[in-house]
Protein backbone atom coordinates (compact mmCIF):
# COMPACT_ATOMS: atom_id res chain seq x y z
CA UNK A 1 -23.91 0.71 2.54
CA UNK A 2 -21.64 1.16 5.57
CA UNK A 3 -17.97 1.64 4.86
CA UNK A 4 -14.94 1.83 7.16
CA UNK A 5 -11.46 3.02 6.21
CA UNK A 6 -8.51 1.56 8.10
CA UNK A 7 -5.12 3.32 8.09
CA UNK A 8 -2.03 1.47 9.31
CA UNK A 9 1.02 3.74 9.68
CA UNK A 10 4.66 2.83 10.30
CA UNK A 11 7.79 4.94 9.65
CA UNK A 12 8.42 2.85 6.53
CA UNK A 13 4.99 2.74 4.90
CA UNK A 14 1.32 3.69 5.10
CA UNK A 15 -1.34 1.11 4.26
CA UNK A 16 -5.02 1.85 3.70
CA UNK A 17 -7.87 -0.67 3.52
CA UNK A 18 -11.45 0.19 2.52
CA UNK A 19 -13.86 -2.25 4.22
CA UNK A 20 -17.54 -2.65 3.33
CA UNK A 21 -19.74 -4.98 5.41
CA UNK A 22 -16.66 -6.72 6.79
CA UNK A 23 -15.08 -7.39 3.36
CA UNK A 24 -11.95 -5.59 2.17
CA UNK A 25 -12.72 -3.81 -1.12
CA UNK A 26 -9.57 -1.77 -1.75
CA UNK A 27 -5.93 -1.79 -0.65
CA UNK A 28 -3.49 1.10 -1.04
CA UNK A 29 0.17 1.11 -0.03
CA UNK A 30 2.62 4.01 -0.04
CA UNK A 31 6.23 3.54 1.04
CA UNK A 32 8.46 6.28 2.39
CA UNK A 33 11.36 5.07 0.23
CA UNK A 34 9.31 5.05 -2.96
CA UNK A 35 6.36 7.44 -2.82
CA UNK A 36 4.18 7.71 -5.90
CA UNK A 37 4.47 10.93 -7.89
CA UNK A 38 1.15 10.91 -9.79
CA UNK A 39 -0.33 14.41 -9.62
CA UNK A 40 3.02 16.11 -8.96
CA UNK A 41 3.81 19.15 -11.11
CA UNK A 42 7.37 19.78 -12.30
CA UNK A 43 9.37 22.31 -14.21
CA UNK A 44 10.96 20.01 -16.79
CA UNK A 45 13.55 20.28 -19.53
CA UNK A 46 13.34 18.39 -22.81
CA UNK A 47 16.47 16.26 -23.19
CA UNK A 48 15.56 14.26 -26.28
CA UNK A 49 12.89 14.40 -29.00
CA UNK A 50 11.98 11.16 -30.81
CA UNK A 51 10.19 11.96 -34.10
CA UNK A 52 9.78 8.27 -34.92
CA UNK A 53 7.75 7.74 -31.74
CA UNK A 54 6.22 11.24 -31.67
CA UNK A 55 7.36 11.56 -28.08
CA UNK A 56 10.07 13.16 -25.95
CA UNK A 57 12.10 12.42 -22.84
CA UNK A 58 11.91 15.13 -20.19
CA UNK A 59 14.24 15.67 -17.24
CA UNK A 60 12.14 16.50 -14.17
CA UNK A 61 14.93 16.17 -11.63
CA UNK A 62 14.54 12.44 -10.95
CA UNK A 63 17.01 9.61 -11.60
CA UNK A 64 15.09 8.45 -14.67
CA UNK A 65 13.82 10.75 -17.42
CA UNK A 66 10.05 10.93 -17.83
CA UNK A 67 8.09 10.27 -21.03
CA UNK A 68 5.87 12.76 -22.88
CA UNK A 69 3.81 11.66 -25.89
CA UNK A 70 2.39 13.99 -28.52
CA UNK A 71 -1.16 13.04 -27.47
CA UNK A 72 -0.43 14.38 -23.96
CA UNK A 73 0.76 17.80 -25.12
CA UNK A 74 -1.99 20.33 -24.45
CA UNK A 75 -2.12 23.56 -26.35
CA UNK A 76 -4.66 25.95 -27.83
CA UNK A 77 -4.85 24.19 -31.17
CA UNK A 78 -5.28 26.55 -34.08
CA UNK A 79 -6.16 25.32 -37.53
CA UNK A 80 -2.66 25.93 -38.88
CA UNK A 81 -0.82 23.97 -36.17
CA UNK A 82 -3.32 21.25 -35.27
CA UNK A 83 -1.36 18.57 -37.14
CA UNK A 84 2.17 19.69 -36.30
CA UNK A 85 4.55 16.83 -35.37
CA UNK A 86 6.29 16.85 -32.02
CA UNK A 87 9.64 17.97 -33.44
CA UNK A 88 8.02 21.28 -34.43
CA UNK A 89 6.58 21.78 -30.95
CA UNK A 90 9.50 20.76 -28.73
CA UNK A 91 13.26 20.96 -28.95
CA UNK A 92 16.13 19.83 -26.74
CA UNK A 93 16.74 22.24 -23.88
CA UNK A 94 13.19 23.66 -23.90
CA UNK A 95 11.71 24.28 -20.43
CA UNK A 96 8.20 22.91 -20.04
CA UNK A 97 5.61 22.70 -17.25
CA UNK A 98 4.42 19.09 -16.86
CA UNK A 99 2.31 16.95 -14.54
CA UNK A 100 2.80 13.23 -13.84
CA UNK A 101 -0.19 11.15 -14.96
CA UNK A 102 1.36 7.70 -14.51
CA UNK A 103 4.00 6.49 -12.09
CA UNK A 104 7.19 4.79 -13.25
CA UNK A 105 6.23 1.13 -13.78
CA UNK A 106 8.92 -1.51 -14.20
CA UNK A 107 11.58 -0.24 -16.59
CA UNK A 108 9.35 2.54 -17.92
CA UNK A 109 9.74 6.10 -16.71
CA UNK A 110 6.86 8.22 -15.46
CA UNK A 111 4.37 9.44 -18.07
CA UNK A 112 3.72 13.18 -18.32
CA UNK A 113 1.08 15.56 -19.57
CA UNK A 114 1.28 19.29 -20.15
CA UNK A 115 -2.40 19.67 -19.20
CA UNK A 116 -2.50 20.51 -15.50
CA UNK A 117 -5.27 19.57 -13.08
CA UNK A 118 -5.18 20.26 -9.34
CA UNK A 119 -7.59 18.41 -7.08
CA UNK A 120 -9.29 20.09 -4.16
CA UNK A 121 -11.86 18.63 -1.79
CA UNK A 122 -14.92 19.61 -3.82
CA UNK A 123 -13.46 20.74 -7.15
CA UNK A 124 -10.72 19.93 -9.62
CA UNK A 125 -9.10 23.05 -11.07
CA UNK A 126 -8.12 23.10 -14.76
CA UNK A 127 -6.14 26.32 -15.20
CA UNK A 128 -5.69 25.94 -18.98
CA UNK A 129 -9.35 25.50 -19.98
CA UNK A 130 -12.49 27.51 -19.38
CA UNK A 131 -15.37 25.03 -19.19
CA UNK A 132 -17.18 23.65 -16.13
CA UNK A 133 -17.59 19.88 -15.94
CA UNK A 134 -19.59 17.78 -13.48
CA UNK A 135 -18.88 14.29 -12.16
CA UNK A 136 -20.85 11.63 -14.03
CA UNK A 137 -21.83 10.11 -10.67
CA UNK A 138 -24.14 13.10 -10.11
CA UNK A 139 -26.99 11.87 -12.29
CA UNK A 140 -29.88 14.21 -11.39
CA UNK A 141 -30.13 16.79 -14.20
CA UNK A 142 -31.71 19.42 -11.97
CA UNK A 143 -28.89 19.05 -9.44
CA UNK A 144 -26.26 19.22 -12.20
CA UNK A 145 -27.76 22.44 -13.58
CA UNK A 146 -28.00 23.95 -10.09
CA UNK A 147 -24.36 23.14 -9.28
CA UNK A 148 -23.15 24.60 -12.57
CA UNK A 149 -25.03 27.86 -12.00
CA UNK A 150 -23.86 28.08 -8.39
CA UNK A 151 -20.22 27.66 -9.42
CA UNK A 152 -20.47 30.19 -12.28
CA UNK A 153 -21.85 32.72 -9.82
CA UNK A 154 -18.88 32.22 -7.47
CA UNK A 155 -16.07 32.37 -10.03
CA UNK A 156 -14.12 35.66 -10.04
CA UNK A 157 -13.94 37.32 -13.45
CA UNK A 158 -10.24 38.10 -13.07
CA UNK A 159 -9.20 34.45 -12.75
CA UNK A 160 -8.78 32.12 -15.71
CA UNK A 161 -9.40 28.40 -15.86
CA UNK A 162 -12.20 25.88 -15.53
CA UNK A 163 -13.41 23.41 -12.93
CA UNK A 164 -14.77 19.91 -12.57
CA UNK A 165 -17.33 19.54 -9.79
CA UNK A 166 -16.61 16.37 -7.82
CA UNK A 167 -19.27 14.00 -6.50
CA UNK A 168 -18.72 15.10 -2.88
CA UNK A 169 -19.76 18.65 -3.86
CA UNK A 170 -23.36 17.55 -4.46
CA UNK A 171 -24.54 18.84 -1.06
CA UNK A 172 -21.86 21.52 -0.58
CA UNK A 173 -22.74 25.06 0.46
CA UNK A 174 -21.66 28.16 -1.46
CA UNK A 175 -19.18 28.97 1.31
CA UNK A 176 -17.54 25.53 0.96
CA UNK A 177 -17.23 25.97 -2.80
CA UNK A 178 -15.86 29.50 -2.36
CA UNK A 179 -13.19 28.22 0.03
CA UNK A 180 -12.13 25.52 -2.43
CA UNK A 181 -11.98 27.99 -5.33
CA UNK A 182 -9.78 30.45 -3.40
CA UNK A 183 -7.48 27.66 -2.22
CA UNK A 184 -6.98 26.25 -5.73
CA UNK A 185 -6.44 29.68 -7.31
CA UNK A 186 -3.78 30.52 -4.70
CA UNK A 187 -2.11 27.16 -5.27
CA UNK A 188 -1.92 27.79 -9.02
CA UNK A 189 -0.47 31.28 -8.53
CA UNK A 190 2.26 29.81 -6.30
CA UNK A 191 3.05 27.13 -8.92
CA UNK A 192 3.37 29.71 -11.71
CA UNK A 193 5.67 31.84 -9.56
CA UNK A 194 7.93 28.86 -8.81
CA UNK A 195 7.98 27.84 -12.48
CA UNK A 196 10.00 30.94 -13.40
CA UNK A 197 13.19 29.07 -12.45
CA UNK A 198 15.02 27.49 -15.38
CA UNK A 199 16.26 24.19 -13.94
CA UNK A 200 14.15 21.00 -13.52
CA UNK A 201 12.38 21.12 -10.15
CA UNK A 202 9.31 19.95 -8.23
CA UNK A 203 6.72 22.75 -8.16
CA UNK A 204 3.78 21.01 -6.49
CA UNK A 205 3.53 17.72 -4.65
CA UNK A 206 0.24 15.91 -4.27
CA UNK A 207 -0.95 14.99 -0.78
CA UNK A 208 0.43 11.86 0.87
CA UNK A 209 -1.78 8.78 1.14
CA UNK A 210 -3.22 9.63 4.57
CA UNK A 211 -4.49 13.03 3.41
CA UNK A 212 -5.63 11.68 0.01
CA UNK A 213 -7.91 9.37 1.98
CA UNK A 214 -9.70 12.43 3.40
CA UNK A 215 -9.81 14.19 0.06
CA UNK A 216 -10.68 11.32 -2.29
CA UNK A 217 -12.01 8.30 -0.40
CA UNK A 218 -14.63 9.74 1.97
CA UNK A 219 -18.28 9.44 0.95
CA UNK A 220 -21.67 9.62 2.65
CA UNK A 221 -21.41 5.86 3.25
CA UNK A 222 -18.16 6.22 5.22
CA UNK A 223 -19.02 5.65 8.88
CA UNK A 224 -15.55 5.66 10.42
CA UNK A 225 -11.87 6.27 9.62
CA UNK A 226 -9.60 4.36 12.02
CA UNK A 227 -5.93 5.40 12.29
CA UNK A 228 -3.47 3.41 14.40
CA UNK A 229 -0.87 6.21 14.65
CA UNK A 230 -1.59 9.03 17.11
CA UNK A 231 0.68 11.47 15.26
CA UNK A 232 -0.96 10.78 11.89
CA UNK A 233 -4.41 10.93 13.49
CA UNK A 234 -3.70 14.39 14.92
CA UNK A 235 -2.39 15.67 11.57
CA UNK A 236 -5.43 14.29 9.75
CA UNK A 237 -7.78 15.80 12.34
CA UNK A 238 -6.14 19.22 11.92
CA UNK A 239 -6.42 18.93 8.12
CA UNK A 240 -10.06 17.84 8.37
CA UNK A 241 -11.02 20.72 10.69
CA UNK A 242 -9.71 23.20 8.11
CA UNK A 243 -11.01 21.62 4.88
CA UNK A 244 -13.82 19.19 5.79
CA UNK A 245 -15.32 19.76 9.21
CA UNK A 246 -18.05 17.16 8.65
CA UNK A 247 -15.42 14.39 8.61
CA UNK A 248 -13.80 15.15 11.99
CA UNK A 249 -16.39 13.26 14.04
CA UNK A 250 -15.85 10.12 11.93
CA UNK A 251 -12.08 10.16 12.49
CA UNK A 252 -10.90 7.90 15.33
CA UNK A 253 -7.55 6.88 16.78
CA UNK A 254 -7.16 3.10 17.24
CA UNK A 255 -5.10 2.34 20.35
CA UNK A 256 -5.82 -1.38 20.79
CA UNK A 257 -3.04 -3.88 21.48
CA UNK A 258 -3.98 -6.15 18.59
CA UNK A 259 -2.72 -4.81 15.21
CA UNK A 260 -5.49 -3.00 13.32
CA UNK A 261 -5.09 -4.92 10.05
CA UNK A 262 -4.97 -8.23 11.90
CA UNK A 263 -8.14 -7.39 13.86
CA UNK A 264 -10.10 -6.76 10.65
CA UNK A 265 -8.56 -9.66 8.70
CA UNK A 266 -6.78 -7.37 6.24
CA UNK A 267 -3.45 -9.23 6.51
CA UNK A 268 -5.18 -12.43 5.35
CA UNK A 269 -6.78 -10.55 2.44
CA UNK A 270 -3.37 -9.26 1.35
CA UNK A 271 -2.04 -12.83 1.29
CA UNK A 272 -5.04 -13.97 -0.77
CA UNK A 273 -4.63 -11.01 -3.15
CA UNK A 274 -1.10 -12.22 -3.97
CA UNK A 275 -2.25 -15.77 -4.77
CA UNK A 276 -2.80 -17.00 -8.31
CA UNK A 277 -5.95 -18.90 -7.37
CA UNK A 278 -9.06 -17.27 -5.86
CA UNK A 279 -11.71 -19.62 -4.46
CA UNK A 280 -15.41 -18.82 -4.89
CA UNK A 281 -17.96 -19.57 -2.16
CA UNK A 282 -19.85 -21.88 -4.51
CA UNK A 283 -16.83 -24.15 -4.93
CA UNK A 284 -15.63 -22.68 -8.22
CA UNK A 285 -12.39 -20.71 -8.54
CA UNK A 286 -10.52 -18.10 -10.56
CA UNK A 287 -7.00 -18.28 -11.95
CA UNK A 288 -5.41 -14.84 -12.30
CA UNK A 289 -2.20 -14.47 -14.32
CA UNK A 290 -0.54 -11.07 -14.56
CA UNK A 291 1.98 -10.49 -17.36
CA UNK A 292 3.78 -7.42 -18.69
CA UNK A 293 1.27 -6.89 -21.51
CA UNK A 294 -2.04 -7.97 -19.99
CA UNK A 295 -3.85 -9.84 -17.23
CA UNK A 296 -5.90 -12.98 -17.87
CA UNK A 297 -8.63 -14.28 -15.56
CA UNK A 298 -9.96 -17.80 -16.06
CA UNK A 299 -13.23 -18.93 -14.42
CA UNK A 300 -13.69 -22.60 -13.45
CA UNK A 301 -16.58 -24.49 -11.83
CA UNK A 302 -14.21 -26.51 -9.61
CA UNK A 303 -16.18 -28.46 -7.02
CA UNK A 304 -19.51 -26.72 -7.70
CA UNK A 305 -21.94 -29.27 -9.19
CA UNK A 306 -25.18 -27.30 -8.88
CA UNK A 307 -28.62 -28.74 -8.25
CA UNK A 308 -30.72 -28.14 -11.36
CA UNK A 309 -28.88 -28.34 -14.66
CA UNK A 310 -25.44 -27.95 -16.21
CA UNK A 311 -26.37 -24.59 -17.77
CA UNK A 312 -27.68 -23.33 -14.43
CA UNK A 313 -24.45 -24.41 -12.68
CA UNK A 314 -22.34 -22.50 -15.22
CA UNK A 315 -24.58 -19.44 -15.01
CA UNK A 316 -24.44 -19.25 -11.20
CA UNK A 317 -20.65 -19.73 -11.20
CA UNK A 318 -20.20 -16.95 -13.75
CA UNK A 319 -22.50 -14.59 -11.81
CA UNK A 320 -20.50 -15.08 -8.62
CA UNK A 321 -17.23 -14.80 -10.55
CA UNK A 322 -18.34 -11.45 -12.05
CA UNK A 323 -18.72 -9.96 -8.55
CA UNK A 324 -15.45 -11.44 -7.25
CA UNK A 325 -13.45 -10.35 -10.33
CA UNK A 326 -14.58 -6.73 -9.91
CA UNK A 327 -13.38 -6.83 -6.29
CA UNK A 328 -10.07 -8.50 -7.21
CA UNK A 329 -9.33 -5.79 -9.78
CA UNK A 330 -9.59 -3.18 -7.02
CA UNK A 331 -7.73 -5.21 -4.40
CA UNK A 332 -4.83 -6.06 -6.69
CA UNK A 333 -4.93 -2.72 -8.56
CA UNK A 334 -4.74 -4.52 -11.89
CA UNK A 335 -4.46 -2.22 -14.87
CA UNK A 336 -3.96 -2.24 -18.62
CA UNK A 337 -5.62 -4.85 -20.83
CA UNK A 338 -7.63 -7.50 -18.96
CA UNK A 339 -9.06 -10.62 -20.62
CA UNK A 340 -11.73 -12.59 -18.74
CA UNK A 341 -12.57 -16.15 -19.79
CA UNK A 342 -15.96 -16.89 -18.27
CA UNK A 343 -17.21 -20.46 -18.58
CA UNK A 344 -18.89 -20.86 -22.00
CA UNK A 345 -22.63 -20.10 -21.93
CA UNK A 346 -24.95 -21.13 -24.74
CA UNK A 347 -27.73 -18.74 -23.74
CA UNK A 348 -27.44 -15.12 -24.90
CA UNK A 349 -29.72 -14.21 -21.98
CA UNK A 350 -27.21 -15.69 -19.53
CA UNK A 351 -24.34 -13.85 -21.23
CA UNK A 352 -26.18 -10.52 -20.96
CA UNK A 353 -27.04 -11.15 -17.31
CA UNK A 354 -23.41 -11.96 -16.42
CA UNK A 355 -22.11 -8.90 -18.30
CA UNK A 356 -24.71 -6.69 -16.62
CA UNK A 357 -23.75 -8.02 -13.16
CA UNK A 358 -20.07 -7.47 -13.94
CA UNK A 359 -20.61 -3.85 -15.01
CA UNK A 360 -22.76 -3.24 -11.93
CA UNK A 361 -20.01 -4.59 -9.65
CA UNK A 362 -17.43 -2.39 -11.39
CA UNK A 363 -19.38 0.77 -10.52
CA UNK A 364 -17.71 0.80 -7.07
CA UNK A 365 -14.33 1.31 -8.73
CA UNK A 366 -12.86 4.83 -8.72
CA UNK A 367 -10.55 4.01 -11.66
CA UNK A 368 -11.59 4.68 -15.26
CA UNK A 369 -12.49 1.51 -17.20
CA UNK A 370 -13.92 0.40 -20.52
CA UNK A 371 -15.68 -2.96 -20.85
CA UNK A 372 -16.51 -4.65 -24.14
CA UNK A 373 -19.11 -7.39 -24.53
CA UNK A 374 -18.42 -11.05 -25.21
CA UNK A 375 -16.23 -11.70 -28.24
CA UNK A 376 -16.78 -14.50 -30.76
CA UNK A 377 -14.51 -16.67 -28.61
CA UNK A 378 -16.61 -16.02 -25.49
CA UNK A 379 -14.06 -13.71 -23.86
CA UNK A 380 -14.73 -10.37 -22.17
CA UNK A 381 -12.15 -7.71 -22.99
CA UNK A 382 -11.68 -4.64 -20.82
CA UNK A 383 -9.14 -1.99 -19.90
CA UNK A 384 -8.54 -0.42 -16.51
CA UNK A 385 -6.45 2.73 -16.26
CA UNK A 386 -3.03 2.00 -14.79
CA UNK A 387 -1.51 4.92 -12.87
CA UNK A 388 0.39 3.07 -10.14
CA UNK A 389 2.08 -0.29 -9.66
CA UNK A 390 -0.15 -3.28 -8.90
CA UNK A 391 -0.19 -4.78 -5.41
CA UNK A 392 1.95 -7.71 -6.57
CA UNK A 393 4.59 -5.42 -8.10
CA UNK A 394 4.80 -3.39 -4.87
CA UNK A 395 5.04 -6.36 -2.50
CA UNK A 396 6.80 -8.99 -4.61
CA UNK A 397 9.76 -9.45 -6.95
CA UNK A 398 10.64 -11.97 -9.64
CA UNK A 399 11.50 -15.39 -8.22
CA UNK A 400 15.29 -15.91 -8.53
CA UNK A 401 14.76 -19.65 -8.99
CA UNK A 402 12.26 -19.69 -11.84
CA UNK A 403 12.99 -16.16 -13.17
CA UNK A 404 9.29 -15.37 -13.37
CA UNK A 405 8.31 -18.50 -15.35
CA UNK A 406 6.29 -19.85 -12.39
CA UNK A 407 7.83 -23.24 -13.14
CA UNK A 408 11.16 -24.98 -12.55
CA UNK A 409 12.61 -27.83 -14.55
CA UNK A 410 12.12 -31.23 -12.94
CA UNK A 411 14.95 -33.11 -11.23
CA UNK A 412 14.84 -35.68 -14.04
CA UNK A 413 15.19 -32.94 -16.68
CA UNK A 414 18.21 -31.60 -14.80
CA UNK A 415 19.78 -35.09 -14.59
CA UNK A 416 19.61 -35.50 -18.37
CA UNK A 417 20.98 -31.97 -18.93
CA UNK A 418 23.92 -32.73 -16.61
CA UNK A 419 24.65 -35.99 -18.42
CA UNK A 420 24.73 -34.20 -21.79
CA UNK A 421 27.00 -31.47 -20.40
CA UNK A 422 29.28 -34.06 -18.83
CA UNK A 423 29.63 -35.89 -22.16
CA UNK A 424 30.61 -32.60 -23.89
CA UNK A 425 33.17 -31.81 -21.18
CA UNK A 426 34.73 -35.28 -21.40
CA UNK A 427 35.40 -34.79 -25.13
CA UNK A 428 37.14 -31.46 -24.56
CA UNK A 429 39.12 -32.15 -21.38
CA UNK A 430 41.14 -35.17 -20.28
CA UNK A 431 40.24 -35.10 -16.59
CA UNK A 432 41.09 -37.79 -14.08
CA UNK A 433 37.61 -37.69 -12.59
CA UNK A 434 34.39 -35.71 -12.98
CA UNK A 435 32.35 -34.52 -10.01
CA UNK A 436 28.70 -33.45 -10.17
CA UNK A 437 27.69 -30.78 -7.62
CA UNK A 438 23.91 -30.31 -7.50
CA UNK A 439 20.85 -30.01 -5.26
CA UNK A 440 19.68 -32.81 -2.99
CA UNK A 441 16.75 -33.71 -5.29
CA UNK A 442 19.00 -34.14 -8.35
CA UNK A 443 21.66 -36.15 -6.49
CA UNK A 444 18.98 -38.40 -4.97
CA UNK A 445 17.68 -39.15 -8.46
CA UNK A 446 21.21 -40.01 -9.68
CA UNK A 447 21.56 -42.43 -6.78
CA UNK A 448 18.18 -44.05 -7.44
CA UNK A 449 16.25 -44.04 -10.74
CA UNK A 450 19.07 -42.59 -12.89
CA UNK A 451 21.92 -44.57 -11.34
CA UNK A 452 22.08 -46.86 -14.39
CA UNK A 453 22.26 -43.86 -16.75
CA UNK A 454 25.13 -42.45 -14.72
CA UNK A 455 26.97 -45.79 -14.71
CA UNK A 456 26.55 -46.17 -18.49
CA UNK A 457 28.06 -42.72 -19.10
CA UNK A 458 30.98 -43.46 -16.75
CA UNK A 459 31.72 -46.64 -18.70
CA UNK A 460 31.39 -44.80 -22.04
CA UNK A 461 33.85 -42.01 -21.16
CA UNK A 462 36.04 -44.42 -19.13
CA UNK A 463 36.29 -41.95 -16.23
CA UNK A 464 34.86 -42.14 -12.70
CA UNK A 465 31.97 -39.79 -11.85
CA UNK A 466 31.38 -38.73 -8.23
CA UNK A 467 28.41 -36.91 -6.68
CA UNK A 468 28.25 -34.06 -4.16
CA UNK A 469 25.18 -32.38 -2.61
CA UNK A 470 25.19 -28.60 -2.30
CA UNK A 471 22.37 -27.55 0.03
CA UNK A 472 22.29 -23.93 -1.15
CA UNK A 473 21.68 -24.85 -4.80
CA UNK A 474 18.20 -24.66 -6.29
CA UNK A 475 16.91 -27.56 -8.36
CA UNK A 476 18.12 -25.91 -11.58
CA UNK A 477 21.65 -25.13 -10.35
CA UNK A 478 24.61 -27.44 -10.79
CA UNK A 479 28.39 -27.46 -11.40
CA UNK A 480 30.75 -29.92 -13.08
CA UNK A 481 34.19 -30.10 -11.47
CA UNK A 482 37.13 -31.59 -13.34
CA UNK A 483 39.40 -33.42 -10.89
């Protein structure tokens, strides 16, 4: 499966698109003004312990304190302290080495862990444990055993810690592994030396998005990495020559006049990924609603009528939806609890086939997920690990008109609300005249369909009522002026 990675760089932000067979599969955005901090290691100071929540707030030198839960505190658990509460482990003012495992999302601060992991090109170093793990994507047992023995042979006896062998290490030479081991050990020694300071400070910063592409995104299927910034291309080429020489020949600088993302249709995909409705090729469609607590995805047949039977139409729509949903989760970077409402299927065979297709499509995702089967209500429940903001949260903000409700009150509703408010005002104040200042839609309705209602109220309060259009007002905004 051929795969291209497109990197669009401006002084303000870096955008990355992963394209397979002409279709955008993943989107990643990192802004200079608000870079993600997942993977960063800090020297922190406990500023508050919350026994009721079994958690603590930790100052890591940022504007907002970070959050550390008891479950994320790593330590060599001995039988006598295995069940100790957090207030017996931490206290205010205690210095603590922590790593960010989840970016600040919304009003929540970053989430921390005291278990450190440092990613290299081929290995992930775990300085506080001693075991050797292997990526689950390496399935061949003989290969897994060979890699484990090769790594054990290379590890120096004087150094502590364990490793996880990444998928890209499957065909790595001993020299490549040795280079990665030495690099990660040196990095950890530098971090420990810096951690001797007492104040909150950044000890290690993860690579920026451009370099993370080289470290984390490249696979055997990657045919080309296109970068539209010459400066970034040169930096990436230098990095690749040092750490991954086999990638250099696949790295290209794009110097065309037409914008890179426009040429490959990525800009259109970004627009579609922000829409609530996603059309399927068959004529069906998805409705995706993202809330604070969870994301719901509803599957509909739409204009697809099928050719054989009603059950077959539903089955084919659900099969296509399963593939598209998996792609939308990656594109939109949706995380947390996700509820999928496939169209009801009577056949258990059809349900199993749709679930199997869905899980197969999810295998392309680099993010950890759990998928449950169909519930009694015919819903599929799943979770997808959330470490960074979703695409919509990065690119959009709450609508100031509807305040995130996705709906505004109708002009007729606003007319009746204004009439009620005007009646209340007339009972409290003895004005000579009342003036309604509102949007064009509301004033037009008062002059047409609701003109009789307005005249009746004017007669009832025995005061004239005038109208004034304010072009800057939204449909829900209005003012009553006492003349």
